[in-house]
Amino acid sequence: MNALINLLLLLGLVAAMAVWVMLPWPGALALALLLALWLAFSRRGGQTRSVAAVGISTLTQRLGPSAVIVVGIAGVVGVLVALLAMAEGYSQTLRGTGSEDVAIVMRGGSASEVASVLDRDSATLVAQGPGIARNDKGEPLASPEIVVAANLPLRKGEPGEEGSVQLRGVGEQAFAVRPQLKIVEGRSFAPGLRELIVGRGAARQFAGMVPGNTVRLGSQQWTVAGVFASGDAMESEIWADASVVADAYRRGSGRNSVIVKLGEAKAFNEFKAALEANPQLKVDVSTTLDYFTKQSERVTQVLRIIGITVGSIMGIGAMFGALNTMFAAVAARAREIATLRAIGFTGVPVVVAVMLETMLLALVGGLAGGLIAWALFNGYNASTMTAGSVGQLSFQLRVTPELLWTGLKWALAIGFIGGLFPAMRAARLPVTTALREL
């Protein structure tokens, strides 16, 4: 029977922790308000305040054991928030690349640009679709583009170590469909010449990405003409004239995709329907917002799973540290607790008081871990391979308020479990037994 009760208690505890970790901050605030009202206006709440005040006042006498809880939980929260910040930064970078009024057209059934091939006739037909914005000359804002992989020496790697970068061949309309892209150093490449412009992320990652410098791509020398900024995933790429890239990599007249600037976002459905109904075309059409969001999902999910797994493993260690510390604290205060119970204090105030003490330490650890993660990793530059890409994506880690709140919930959950069982032992211990323990 006891085994069944313990099993049910464990299952209930797991379910409660799962709900707690998913709880938004208004829900947590409501719980905290209810607890405060109970402590302020109920008889047992008043008893809890008395017991908790005694325990908290003795924390300075137990700095070593208390520090074990704080440091352990701070480590859990710091690592968890840092890993989740990597997933958040990666996802934000890709999501920020797309727009609802810019469409990407690829060959039907293609999961990504690198897997797509469109011939010249198809690219021409795409540019004639309805709803496309036009420039002052009346030309459609449609940019047929080619994407290939290139290897360049890493800026901070071992001598001779190379990394993969995405080389995008574009025409003059590429800048019109991406008005956020600006040249920040040097100038743009000249059509027909082996010249490059480099995204800021790629310039940080690869060696020699300085205007006027010469780099080797494949068997040819290319000149870096300038550096561009766009505030999105494009900054991880290097760009050149599409015809020159096609000749250098023997891609002929075909292109991987066509990027189209629409007159307005609501024109997308008409544009998509017209292209998909054209018997001369076999293409997939989506907004760039949808495309890059889908591209980010897999890697973001993997990074989040890694963060939660590592955080869970560390959390178990921190929880056992809290259990040991609080069991020792309860044992040291056994006579005090027994005396309180002998003069009329019930078990509930004892349980809640011990748990409040543990969760206070957990709160301090959670705040410390979150602040450390924010100070060290918010804005930290990182890079990883992108799903469906042939190059690395440079991005910045993002420690958002939502991630800090997640870390704080984990800290309080660890403190709750770490204090629950010692508190229950203190409440269940017979008064006569407790008085004989010291």
Foldseek 3Di string as FASTA:
>chain_A
DVVVVVVVVVVVLVVVLVCLLPDDPVVVVVVVVVLVCCLPPPPLSVVLVVLLVVVLVCCVVVVPLLVLLLQLLLVLLQLLLLLLLVLVFLLCQLLVVFDLQKKKKFFAPDLALQRGKDFPVLQVVLQVFPQFDADPVRGGLKKFKAKDKWWAAWPPDDVPDIFIAIEMAIDPSVCVQQVLKDFPFADCEDPPAQEKEAAPLCPNTGPQLHAQGWGDTDHDIGGYGTYMYRSHQCSRHMYDHRVVVCVVVVVPRMGSIMMTRGPDSVCQVRRQVVQVPDPVGRIDMDTSSVSSSVQSVPVSVVSSVVSVVVSVVSLVVSLVSLQVSLLVVLLVCLLVLLVSVVVPNALVSLLVSQLVSLLVSLQSSLVSSLVVSCVPAAQDWDWDDTRRHRGITITGRHSDPVSSVSSSSSSNSSSNSSRRVSSVCSNPDHSVVSNPSD
